[in-house]
Protein backbone atom coordinates (compact mmCIF):
# COMPACT_ATOMS: atom_id res chain seq x y z
CA MET A 1 40.66 -4.80 -93.95
CA ALA A 2 41.09 -1.84 -91.50
CA PHE A 3 38.24 -0.95 -89.29
CA GLN A 4 37.99 2.35 -91.08
CA ASP A 5 37.47 0.65 -94.18
CA ILE A 6 34.62 -1.39 -92.74
CA LEU A 7 33.13 1.74 -91.42
CA ALA A 8 33.12 3.27 -94.86
CA LYS A 9 31.66 0.33 -96.34
CA ILE A 10 28.58 0.50 -94.07
CA ALA A 11 28.25 3.98 -93.69
CA LYS A 12 28.37 5.54 -97.00
CA GLY A 13 24.46 6.34 -97.37
CA PRO A 14 21.34 4.62 -98.50
CA LYS A 15 22.53 4.19 -102.01
CA THR A 16 26.13 3.39 -101.62
CA SER A 17 26.48 1.53 -98.52
CA LYS A 18 27.43 -2.02 -98.68
CA ASP A 19 26.74 -5.37 -96.44
CA LEU A 20 29.57 -6.91 -94.80
CA THR A 21 30.65 -10.65 -95.72
CA TRP A 22 30.66 -13.36 -93.37
CA ASP A 23 34.31 -13.24 -92.81
CA GLU A 24 34.24 -9.43 -92.17
CA THR A 25 31.62 -9.80 -89.47
CA LYS A 26 34.08 -12.13 -87.82
CA GLN A 27 36.64 -9.37 -88.14
CA VAL A 28 34.16 -6.78 -86.78
CA ILE A 29 33.22 -8.95 -83.76
CA LYS A 30 37.02 -9.49 -82.87
CA ALA A 31 37.67 -5.71 -83.16
CA LEU A 32 34.65 -4.98 -80.87
CA VAL A 33 35.03 -7.83 -78.33
CA GLU A 34 38.63 -7.60 -78.08
CA GLY A 35 39.06 -3.91 -77.80
CA GLU A 36 40.82 -3.41 -80.95
CA ALA A 37 38.39 -0.73 -81.95
CA SER A 38 38.38 2.63 -80.40
CA PRO A 39 35.51 3.84 -78.46
CA LEU A 40 34.89 6.29 -81.33
CA GLN A 41 34.89 3.53 -83.84
CA VAL A 42 32.62 1.35 -81.68
CA GLY A 43 29.82 3.84 -81.44
CA ALA A 44 30.33 4.87 -85.09
CA PHE A 45 29.73 1.24 -86.16
CA LEU A 46 26.76 0.64 -83.94
CA ILE A 47 25.05 3.67 -85.32
CA ALA A 48 26.03 3.14 -88.81
CA MET A 49 24.68 -0.52 -88.54
CA ARG A 50 21.56 0.65 -86.87
CA VAL A 51 20.90 3.17 -89.96
CA LYS A 52 21.74 0.63 -92.69
CA SER A 53 20.11 -2.46 -90.79
CA GLU A 54 21.66 -5.75 -90.77
CA SER A 55 21.52 -8.14 -93.52
CA VAL A 56 20.72 -11.86 -92.93
CA THR A 57 24.38 -12.81 -93.35
CA GLU A 58 25.66 -9.92 -90.99
CA LEU A 59 23.18 -10.94 -88.19
CA ALA A 60 23.93 -14.76 -88.60
CA GLY A 61 27.86 -13.92 -88.94
CA MET A 62 28.06 -11.63 -86.13
CA THR A 63 25.93 -14.03 -83.79
CA ALA A 64 28.12 -17.14 -84.81
CA ALA A 65 31.43 -14.80 -84.01
CA VAL A 66 29.96 -13.89 -80.82
CA ARG A 67 29.28 -17.46 -79.74
CA GLN A 68 32.90 -18.32 -80.23
CA TYR A 69 33.99 -16.28 -77.14
CA VAL A 70 32.25 -18.47 -74.55
CA PRO A 71 31.63 -22.19 -74.29
CA PRO A 72 27.81 -23.37 -74.63
CA LEU A 73 26.39 -24.78 -71.54
CA ALA A 74 27.41 -28.59 -70.98
CA ILE A 75 24.10 -29.93 -72.09
CA PRO A 76 24.05 -33.59 -73.56
CA LYS A 77 23.36 -33.24 -77.31
CA ASN A 78 20.47 -35.68 -77.32
CA LEU A 79 18.55 -33.66 -74.66
CA ALA A 80 15.90 -31.51 -76.16
CA VAL A 81 16.08 -28.08 -74.78
CA VAL A 82 13.74 -24.91 -75.60
CA ASP A 83 15.72 -21.68 -75.81
CA ILE A 84 13.67 -18.65 -74.63
CA PRO A 85 15.58 -15.25 -74.91
CA THR A 86 13.94 -12.32 -72.99
CA TYR A 87 15.42 -8.89 -73.93
CA ALA A 88 12.56 -6.63 -74.51
CA GLY A 89 11.15 -6.11 -71.02
CA LYS A 90 7.51 -5.21 -70.24
CA GLN A 91 5.65 -1.94 -69.66
CA GLU A 92 1.93 -2.63 -70.29
CA THR A 93 1.33 -6.49 -69.88
CA PHE A 94 2.39 -8.93 -67.19
CA HIS A 95 5.45 -11.78 -67.68
CA ALA A 96 3.12 -14.32 -69.07
CA MET A 97 6.19 -16.11 -70.68
CA VAL A 98 7.70 -16.78 -67.09
CA ALA A 99 4.46 -18.65 -65.91
CA SER A 100 4.13 -20.40 -69.23
CA SER A 101 7.88 -21.60 -68.96
CA ILE A 102 7.24 -23.11 -65.51
CA VAL A 103 3.94 -24.96 -66.76
CA ALA A 104 5.88 -26.10 -69.77
CA ALA A 105 8.72 -27.48 -67.56
CA ALA A 106 6.03 -29.11 -65.36
CA ALA A 107 4.62 -30.87 -68.48
CA GLY A 108 8.36 -32.38 -69.38
CA VAL A 109 9.86 -29.63 -71.42
CA ILE A 110 13.40 -28.44 -70.51
CA VAL A 111 13.43 -24.75 -70.77
CA LEU A 112 16.34 -22.30 -70.62
CA MET A 113 15.40 -18.79 -70.15
CA HIS A 114 18.19 -16.02 -70.56
CA GLY A 115 17.90 -12.19 -70.53
CA TYR A 116 19.11 -8.93 -69.40
CA ASP A 117 17.45 -6.77 -66.65
CA GLY A 118 18.85 -3.52 -67.70
CA ILE A 119 16.29 -2.30 -70.18
CA PRO A 120 15.49 1.37 -69.86
CA GLY A 121 11.98 2.18 -68.48
CA ARG A 122 11.12 -1.57 -68.58
CA SER A 123 11.16 -4.62 -66.39
CA GLY A 124 12.70 -7.94 -67.33
CA SER A 125 11.66 -11.38 -66.55
CA ALA A 126 14.62 -11.51 -63.97
CA SER A 127 12.96 -9.06 -61.74
CA VAL A 128 9.69 -11.22 -61.64
CA LEU A 129 11.54 -14.49 -61.24
CA LYS A 130 13.52 -13.05 -58.36
CA ALA A 131 10.19 -11.85 -56.81
CA LEU A 132 8.91 -15.29 -57.10
CA GLY A 133 12.12 -16.72 -55.41
CA ILE A 134 13.65 -18.28 -58.32
CA PRO A 135 17.43 -17.86 -58.56
CA VAL A 136 18.41 -15.21 -61.22
CA ASP A 137 22.18 -14.83 -60.75
CA GLN A 138 23.68 -18.59 -61.06
CA SER A 139 26.84 -19.48 -62.78
CA PRO A 140 26.69 -21.25 -65.96
CA GLN A 141 27.55 -24.60 -64.26
CA VAL A 142 24.94 -24.30 -61.86
CA VAL A 143 22.32 -23.23 -64.20
CA THR A 144 23.32 -26.31 -66.24
CA GLU A 145 22.67 -28.42 -63.29
CA GLU A 146 19.46 -26.97 -62.72
CA LEU A 147 18.51 -27.56 -66.06
CA LEU A 148 19.07 -31.11 -66.08
CA SER A 149 17.60 -31.62 -62.47
CA LYS A 150 14.39 -29.16 -62.73
CA ASN A 151 13.75 -28.66 -66.32
CA PHE A 152 13.92 -24.87 -66.08
CA ALA A 153 16.82 -22.24 -65.33
CA TYR A 154 17.25 -18.62 -65.84
CA LEU A 155 20.89 -17.43 -67.05
CA ASP A 156 21.82 -13.93 -66.75
CA ILE A 157 23.61 -12.66 -69.93
CA GLY A 158 25.99 -10.72 -67.81
CA ILE A 159 27.35 -13.69 -66.14
CA TYR A 160 27.32 -15.89 -69.22
CA HIS A 161 28.76 -13.36 -71.62
CA PRO A 162 29.93 -10.18 -70.19
CA ALA A 163 31.04 -8.90 -73.62
CA VAL A 164 27.42 -9.00 -74.97
CA ASN A 165 26.16 -7.48 -71.96
CA ARG A 166 28.58 -4.58 -72.06
CA PHE A 167 27.23 -3.78 -75.55
CA LEU A 168 23.58 -3.99 -74.55
CA ASP A 169 24.63 -1.35 -71.78
CA MET A 170 25.61 0.83 -74.46
CA ARG A 171 22.00 1.56 -75.24
CA GLN A 172 21.96 3.73 -72.15
CA GLU A 173 24.33 6.14 -73.65
CA LEU A 174 23.44 5.71 -77.51
CA GLY A 175 19.61 6.08 -76.99
CA VAL A 176 18.77 3.16 -79.41
CA ARG A 177 19.08 -0.57 -79.68
CA THR A 178 21.98 -1.59 -81.44
CA VAL A 179 23.00 -5.14 -83.34
CA PHE A 180 23.76 -6.78 -80.15
CA HIS A 181 20.20 -6.79 -79.19
CA PRO A 182 19.17 -9.04 -81.90
CA ILE A 183 22.49 -10.99 -81.23
CA ALA A 184 21.72 -11.75 -77.88
CA ARG A 185 18.19 -13.19 -78.84
CA LEU A 186 20.01 -15.46 -81.08
CA LEU A 187 22.98 -16.55 -78.85
CA ASN A 188 21.35 -19.91 -77.83
CA PRO A 189 23.76 -20.67 -74.63
CA ALA A 190 22.70 -24.33 -74.49
CA ARG A 191 22.64 -24.72 -78.37
CA ALA A 192 19.08 -25.76 -77.92
CA SER A 193 17.57 -27.62 -80.81
CA ALA A 194 14.28 -25.37 -80.35
CA GLN A 195 14.32 -21.39 -80.17
CA VAL A 196 11.30 -19.21 -79.70
CA VAL A 197 12.39 -15.59 -80.54
CA GLY A 198 10.11 -12.59 -79.86
CA LEU A 199 10.51 -9.16 -81.43
CA SER A 200 8.65 -6.16 -82.19
CA HIS A 201 10.91 -4.29 -84.92
CA PRO A 202 9.30 -5.38 -88.36
CA PRO A 203 12.46 -5.13 -90.49
CA HIS A 204 13.95 -7.85 -88.31
CA PHE A 205 11.03 -10.47 -88.57
CA GLU A 206 11.73 -12.38 -91.78
CA LYS A 207 15.61 -11.69 -91.22
CA THR A 208 15.57 -13.37 -87.88
CA ALA A 209 14.00 -16.59 -89.30
CA GLU A 210 16.58 -16.54 -92.17
CA ALA A 211 19.40 -16.02 -89.62
CA LEU A 212 18.19 -18.82 -87.50
CA ARG A 213 18.27 -21.14 -90.58
CA MET A 214 21.73 -20.01 -91.77
CA LEU A 215 22.99 -20.80 -88.17
CA GLY A 216 21.70 -24.32 -88.47
CA CYS A 217 18.79 -24.03 -86.15
CA PRO A 218 16.83 -27.34 -86.48
CA ARG A 219 13.33 -25.79 -85.11
CA ALA A 220 12.18 -22.35 -84.25
CA LEU A 221 9.38 -19.92 -83.96
CA VAL A 222 9.66 -16.23 -84.56
CA VAL A 223 7.11 -14.31 -82.84
CA ARG A 224 5.90 -10.65 -83.40
CA GLY A 225 5.05 -10.82 -79.67
CA ILE A 226 3.52 -8.91 -76.88
CA GLU A 227 5.91 -5.89 -76.40
CA GLY A 228 8.74 -7.68 -78.29
CA GLU A 229 8.72 -10.72 -75.93
CA PRO A 230 8.23 -14.18 -77.24
CA GLU A 231 4.49 -14.39 -76.28
CA LEU A 232 1.45 -15.05 -78.43
CA SER A 233 -1.40 -12.48 -77.98
CA LEU A 234 -4.80 -13.56 -76.08
CA ALA A 235 -6.56 -10.27 -77.91
CA GLY A 236 -5.76 -10.72 -81.51
CA VAL A 237 -3.77 -12.72 -84.06
CA THR A 238 0.15 -12.98 -83.72
CA ARG A 239 2.39 -13.20 -86.77
CA VAL A 240 4.63 -16.27 -86.51
CA LEU A 241 7.22 -17.68 -88.74
CA GLU A 242 7.86 -21.38 -88.13
CA LEU A 243 11.36 -22.86 -88.86
CA ARG A 244 11.42 -26.53 -89.26
CA ASP A 245 13.57 -28.63 -91.51
CA GLU A 246 15.04 -25.61 -93.20
CA ARG A 247 11.65 -24.61 -94.39
CA ILE A 248 10.06 -21.22 -93.12
CA THR A 249 6.48 -21.20 -92.94
CA PRO A 250 4.39 -18.28 -92.10
CA LEU A 251 1.53 -18.45 -89.62
CA GLY A 252 -1.28 -16.34 -88.17
CA VAL A 253 -1.80 -17.75 -84.49
CA SER A 254 -4.90 -16.84 -82.47
CA PRO A 255 -6.77 -17.93 -79.33
CA LYS A 256 -9.18 -19.89 -81.48
CA ASP A 257 -6.24 -22.24 -82.49
CA PHE A 258 -6.34 -23.44 -78.79
CA GLY A 259 -10.01 -23.54 -78.52
CA LEU A 260 -10.29 -20.20 -76.84
CA SER A 261 -12.22 -17.04 -77.25
CA PHE A 262 -10.43 -13.78 -77.81
CA GLY A 263 -9.75 -11.95 -74.78
CA SER A 264 -9.00 -8.40 -74.09
CA SER A 265 -5.86 -6.19 -73.29
CA ARG A 266 -7.22 -6.19 -69.58
CA ASP A 267 -6.55 -9.69 -69.46
CA MET A 268 -2.88 -9.16 -70.14
CA ALA A 269 -2.52 -6.20 -68.06
CA GLY A 270 0.73 -5.70 -66.10
CA PHE A 271 2.01 -3.76 -63.33
CA PRO A 272 4.42 -0.81 -62.64
CA ALA A 273 8.10 -1.63 -62.20
CA SER A 274 7.66 -0.61 -58.69
CA GLN A 275 4.95 -3.46 -58.17
CA ARG A 276 6.99 -6.46 -59.07
CA GLU A 277 5.65 -8.31 -55.80
CA LYS A 278 2.11 -7.82 -57.13
CA GLU A 279 2.81 -9.40 -60.45
CA ALA A 280 4.80 -12.20 -58.99
CA ASP A 281 1.71 -12.76 -56.72
CA LEU A 282 -0.46 -12.96 -59.84
CA LEU A 283 1.80 -15.59 -61.45
CA ARG A 284 1.90 -17.45 -58.26
CA ARG A 285 -1.76 -17.70 -58.00
CA ILE A 286 -2.09 -18.88 -61.56
CA LEU A 287 0.56 -21.43 -61.13
CA LEU A 288 -1.42 -22.68 -57.88
CA HIS A 289 -4.53 -22.71 -59.99
CA GLN A 290 -6.11 -20.11 -58.10
CA VAL A 291 -6.94 -17.72 -61.16
CA GLN A 292 -9.72 -18.42 -63.82
CA GLY A 293 -10.45 -16.44 -67.00
CA GLY A 294 -8.12 -14.72 -69.57
CA ALA A 295 -5.06 -14.36 -67.59
CA LYS A 296 -4.86 -18.17 -66.97
CA GLU A 297 -5.82 -18.80 -70.60
CA TRP A 298 -2.99 -16.45 -71.80
CA VAL A 299 -0.40 -18.44 -69.76
CA LEU A 300 -1.70 -21.77 -70.92
CA MET A 301 -1.76 -20.84 -74.65
CA ASN A 302 1.90 -19.88 -74.43
CA ALA A 303 2.72 -23.00 -72.48
CA ALA A 304 1.23 -24.98 -75.16
CA MET A 305 3.45 -23.18 -77.85
CA LEU A 306 6.52 -24.08 -75.89
CA LEU A 307 5.18 -27.78 -75.93
CA TYR A 308 4.57 -27.72 -79.58
CA LEU A 309 8.20 -26.20 -80.16
CA ALA A 310 9.66 -29.02 -78.05
CA GLY A 311 7.66 -31.82 -80.16
CA LYS A 312 5.20 -32.85 -77.42
CA GLY A 313 2.36 -32.75 -79.82
CA PRO A 314 1.64 -32.43 -83.48
CA SER A 315 -0.14 -29.06 -83.46
CA LEU A 316 -0.77 -26.13 -80.98
CA ALA A 317 -4.29 -27.30 -80.23
CA ALA A 318 -3.05 -30.60 -79.19
CA CYS A 319 -0.67 -29.26 -76.94
CA TYR A 320 -3.14 -27.12 -75.03
CA PRO A 321 -4.72 -30.05 -73.10
CA LEU A 322 -1.30 -31.02 -71.89
CA ALA A 323 -0.48 -27.50 -70.48
CA LYS A 324 -3.74 -27.19 -68.98
CA THR A 325 -3.36 -30.61 -67.21
CA ALA A 326 0.04 -29.62 -65.83
CA LEU A 327 -1.54 -26.55 -64.42
CA GLU A 328 -4.78 -27.97 -63.17
CA GLY A 329 -3.37 -31.20 -61.78
CA GLY A 330 -0.93 -29.51 -59.57
CA ALA A 331 2.33 -30.20 -61.49
CA ALA A 332 3.10 -26.42 -62.27
CA ALA A 333 2.59 -25.68 -58.51
CA ARG A 334 5.04 -28.52 -57.62
CA LYS A 335 7.27 -27.28 -60.20
CA LEU A 336 7.26 -23.91 -58.68
CA GLU A 337 8.09 -25.22 -55.28
CA GLU A 338 10.89 -27.22 -56.71
CA LEU A 339 12.38 -24.20 -58.53
CA ILE A 340 12.57 -21.65 -55.29
CA GLN A 341 14.54 -24.33 -53.29
CA GLU A 342 18.20 -23.93 -52.90
CA PRO A 343 20.07 -25.26 -56.03
CA VAL A 344 21.52 -28.69 -55.73
CA ALA A 345 25.12 -27.41 -56.33
CA THR A 346 24.89 -24.84 -53.60
CA LYS A 347 23.92 -27.70 -51.02
CA VAL A 348 26.74 -29.69 -52.00
CA GLU A 349 29.29 -26.96 -51.59
CA SER A 350 27.77 -25.91 -48.31
CA GLY A 351 27.96 -29.78 -47.12
CA GLN A 352 24.28 -30.18 -46.82
CA THR A 353 22.41 -33.36 -47.92
């Protein structure tokens, strides 16, 4: 099918547009990634798909096709990894998931966080991790080694998959998100057995869970998270879809599920992008067990969610004490110190021991 015919199929209007088949999504990704489509056709496709909205098959098919262009991280298949995509960025709240991931890693979960720090008007996780002293620009090989040795690593999508990064950057010119934003969330560079996906766009909520099931994900949580990131709210009930053994179950998760009282928006309040050091200092103090109250509880309940997703406990409530022990017992502080040390691969390359 010529690319013009694909455009005609999806852009005829609300009553006559049709969804692409699985094979057609593969053809589209090939044309986009390999430069077969002209710049005008690329822009037309992205806007037409934005207006039509992706079907489950289109979302899963394009994600599967995009995955074929780069190899997954060389993680042993029997090693349980939790995949955390962070592509929304923050304006109003602090990056709780950064601290939660470190707490979960300290409690024995292997966490791969990946993202993109070019979100217009928002700060991404990478900026906060960098302010904490944690590397954010490592090669896929080094990221793999860090995962295996330290239980946590951050992978920059621009280093891992330049083609996806290029299409994410087009948001700056187009002014809207494109289909590559949900694709990036589903990319799963380590082919982790567990994924937690945050989003704020309502039409994508059920579709994302269905797409994950179609892609063969064994276990996932799709979260209507704070500012579109994969974070449960301390101040209200969070809608969650749990995918487990090909079954999708809707959940309403609240602080009460962890034995906590509802907090307020002040407990989750963030910092302007120009004050990344202040946010990093808050996260550092939380991890060093120097902060009490709502901010700490918000981090712990999200760490418990990661522990639950990794199979460390039968319920969210059962995983909260594990997260609390990792934080209050000092394991999280030690994990932070470990993560800011020079990567092992770098030491070997430089001849250090």
